[in-house]
Amino acid sequence: MVDVAFLTRVRIFANLNGKQLQSLPDKFQPRRYQRGEVIFHEDDPAARMHIIVDGLGKISIASEDGREGTSLSSNPGTASVR
């Protein structure tokens, strides 16, 4: 369960008031992923928001020659939409 105290540290929620923050936790569905597991691909439709609560994430994009390039490393409290 994601709690309000955690959400206050997530940058995209920084300007929400207490009532708005209180309405958010029950809208989230916690998921666990294994190391190296792909969560979404570059061309997938944006269907949900991901917020890292614990652990690390990496967003990689293949270069034109097929090599992997890291475009973003994510830490707890980081959000991305996908």
Protein backbone atom coordinates (compact mmCIF):
# COMPACT_ATOMS: atom_id res chain seq x y z
CA MET A 1 0.00 0.00 0.00
CA VAL A 2 1.29 3.45 -0.90
CA ASP A 3 0.77 5.93 1.92
CA VAL A 4 0.24 9.69 1.92
CA ALA A 5 3.58 10.36 3.63
CA PHE A 6 5.38 8.66 0.74
CA LEU A 7 3.34 10.54 -1.88
CA THR A 8 4.33 13.91 -0.38
CA ARG A 9 7.92 13.07 -1.41
CA VAL A 10 6.98 12.32 -5.04
CA ARG A 11 7.71 15.44 -7.08
CA ILE A 12 4.60 15.35 -9.29
CA PHE A 13 2.36 15.41 -6.20
CA ALA A 14 4.24 18.22 -4.43
CA ASN A 15 1.59 20.88 -5.09
CA LEU A 16 -1.42 18.84 -3.99
CA ASN A 17 -3.19 19.76 -0.77
CA GLY A 18 -3.91 17.29 2.04
CA LYS A 19 -7.40 16.39 0.82
CA GLN A 20 -6.12 15.69 -2.69
CA LEU A 21 -3.27 13.55 -1.35
CA GLN A 22 -5.64 11.59 0.91
CA SER A 23 -7.69 10.57 -2.15
CA LEU A 24 -4.74 8.97 -3.98
CA PRO A 25 -3.49 5.86 -2.12
CA ASP A 26 -6.48 3.63 -2.91
CA LYS A 27 -6.09 4.42 -6.62
CA PHE A 28 -2.70 2.68 -6.81
CA GLN A 29 -2.17 -1.02 -7.45
CA PRO A 30 1.20 -2.13 -6.05
CA ARG A 31 3.19 -4.45 -8.29
CA ARG A 32 6.52 -6.20 -7.80
CA TYR A 33 9.00 -6.80 -10.58
CA GLN A 34 12.04 -9.04 -10.78
CA ARG A 35 15.49 -7.66 -11.56
CA GLY A 36 15.83 -7.27 -15.34
CA GLU A 37 12.10 -7.66 -15.98
CA VAL A 38 10.72 -5.41 -18.72
CA ILE A 39 7.83 -3.31 -17.42
CA PHE A 40 6.93 -1.61 -20.70
CA HIS A 41 8.32 -1.06 -24.19
CA GLU A 42 8.94 2.25 -25.93
CA ASP A 43 5.92 2.07 -28.25
CA ASP A 44 3.42 0.69 -25.71
CA PRO A 45 0.34 2.90 -25.22
CA ALA A 46 0.40 4.99 -22.03
CA ALA A 47 -2.05 3.09 -19.83
CA ARG A 48 -0.75 3.62 -16.29
CA MET A 49 1.64 5.53 -14.08
CA HIS A 50 4.58 3.82 -12.41
CA ILE A 51 6.04 5.11 -9.15
CA ILE A 52 9.09 3.39 -7.73
CA VAL A 53 8.52 2.84 -4.01
CA ASP A 54 11.52 0.63 -3.29
CA GLY A 55 14.48 -0.35 -5.45
CA LEU A 56 15.76 1.06 -8.72
CA GLY A 57 14.54 1.21 -12.29
CA LYS A 58 16.21 1.92 -15.60
CA ILE A 59 14.70 3.22 -18.82
CA SER A 60 16.70 2.19 -21.87
CA ILE A 61 16.32 3.06 -25.52
CA ALA A 62 18.07 1.19 -28.31
CA SER A 63 20.32 3.37 -30.46
CA GLU A 64 20.13 3.28 -34.25
CA ASP A 65 22.92 0.69 -34.33
CA GLY A 66 20.99 -1.55 -31.89
CA ARG A 67 23.05 -0.90 -28.76
CA GLU A 68 21.25 -0.15 -25.51
CA GLY A 69 21.50 3.39 -24.21
CA THR A 70 20.27 4.35 -20.76
CA SER A 71 18.17 7.48 -20.89
CA LEU A 72 17.06 7.56 -17.25
CA SER A 73 17.86 5.80 -14.02
CA SER A 74 15.00 5.99 -11.55
CA ASN A 75 15.11 6.01 -7.77
CA PRO A 76 12.34 5.64 -5.19
CA GLY A 77 9.83 8.47 -5.48
CA THR A 78 10.36 8.78 -9.23
CA ALA A 79 7.29 8.56 -11.44
CA SER A 80 6.89 7.82 -15.12
CA VAL A 81 3.80 7.47 -17.23
CA ARG A 82 3.38 4.46 -19.46
